[in-house]
Amino acid sequence: QPFRSYAPLPLEFTLVIGPEGDFTPNEENTLSNLGANFVTLGMNRLRSETAAITAVAVALSHSYGNDCQL
């Protein structure tokens, strides 16, 4: 699901960035059992390091909108 489905995000949350080949089914099950919500950054496949930066920027943008301050 897209980030906007969960906006505004809670004040504290954890982002887990998957590898470029995606999570294995076992990893997905483990994360689901821990209560993870899976979101997408869109249709494009990003490198892991780029996805991490993008995910933080999108999460902050959707959580705080124009009031976002780093």
Protein backbone atom coordinates (compact mmCIF):
# COMPACT_ATOMS: atom_id res chain seq x y z
CA GLN A 1 0.00 0.00 0.00
CA PRO A 2 1.19 3.56 -0.54
CA PHE A 3 2.42 5.66 2.39
CA ARG A 4 -0.62 7.94 2.14
CA SER A 5 -2.75 5.03 3.37
CA TYR A 6 -1.11 5.41 6.78
CA ALA A 7 -0.81 9.20 6.99
CA PRO A 8 -0.37 10.74 9.38
CA LEU A 9 2.20 8.31 10.66
CA PRO A 10 2.75 7.89 14.40
CA LEU A 11 5.47 9.99 16.02
CA GLU A 12 7.67 6.92 16.31
CA PHE A 13 7.92 4.28 13.59
CA THR A 14 10.49 1.98 12.06
CA LEU A 15 11.28 1.76 8.37
CA VAL A 16 12.64 -1.55 7.10
CA ILE A 17 14.07 -1.31 3.60
CA GLY A 18 14.13 -4.54 1.64
CA PRO A 19 16.93 -5.71 -0.58
CA GLU A 20 16.79 -4.88 -4.28
CA GLY A 21 15.45 -8.37 -5.00
CA ASP A 22 12.66 -7.92 -2.41
CA PHE A 23 12.04 -9.77 0.85
CA THR A 24 11.84 -13.54 0.93
CA PRO A 25 8.48 -15.04 1.90
CA ASN A 26 10.00 -16.04 5.28
CA GLU A 27 11.16 -12.46 5.91
CA GLU A 28 7.71 -11.11 4.96
CA ASN A 29 6.04 -13.56 7.35
CA THR A 30 8.39 -12.60 10.18
CA LEU A 31 7.75 -8.90 9.64
CA SER A 32 3.99 -9.48 9.43
CA ASN A 33 4.06 -11.42 12.68
CA LEU A 34 5.82 -8.44 14.27
CA GLY A 35 2.97 -6.17 13.14
CA ALA A 36 4.63 -4.59 10.12
CA ASN A 37 2.59 -2.69 7.56
CA PHE A 38 4.01 -3.02 4.06
CA VAL A 39 4.10 0.10 1.89
CA THR A 40 5.41 0.82 -1.56
CA LEU A 41 7.38 3.71 -2.96
CA GLY A 42 5.84 3.17 -6.38
CA MET A 43 6.33 1.06 -9.46
CA ASN A 44 10.04 1.76 -9.93
CA ARG A 45 12.68 -0.44 -8.34
CA LEU A 46 15.15 1.63 -6.35
CA ARG A 47 18.59 0.71 -5.09
CA SER A 48 18.49 -0.04 -1.36
CA GLU A 49 20.43 3.08 -0.37
CA THR A 50 18.23 5.30 -2.57
CA ALA A 51 15.06 3.65 -1.24
CA ALA A 52 16.08 4.42 2.34
CA ILE A 53 16.52 8.14 1.65
CA THR A 54 13.31 8.26 -0.41
CA ALA A 55 11.31 6.42 2.26
CA VAL A 56 12.36 8.85 5.00
CA ALA A 57 11.54 11.86 2.81
CA VAL A 58 8.13 10.46 1.82
CA ALA A 59 7.29 9.43 5.40
CA LEU A 60 8.14 12.88 6.75
CA SER A 61 6.27 14.59 3.95
CA HIS A 62 3.11 12.55 4.50
CA SER A 63 3.32 12.85 8.27
CA TYR A 64 4.01 16.54 8.59
CA GLY A 65 3.24 18.06 5.21
CA ASN A 66 4.50 21.61 4.83
CA ASP A 67 5.43 21.75 8.53
CA CYS A 68 8.15 19.10 8.06
CA GLN A 69 11.44 20.09 9.66
CA LEU A 70 14.54 17.92 9.81
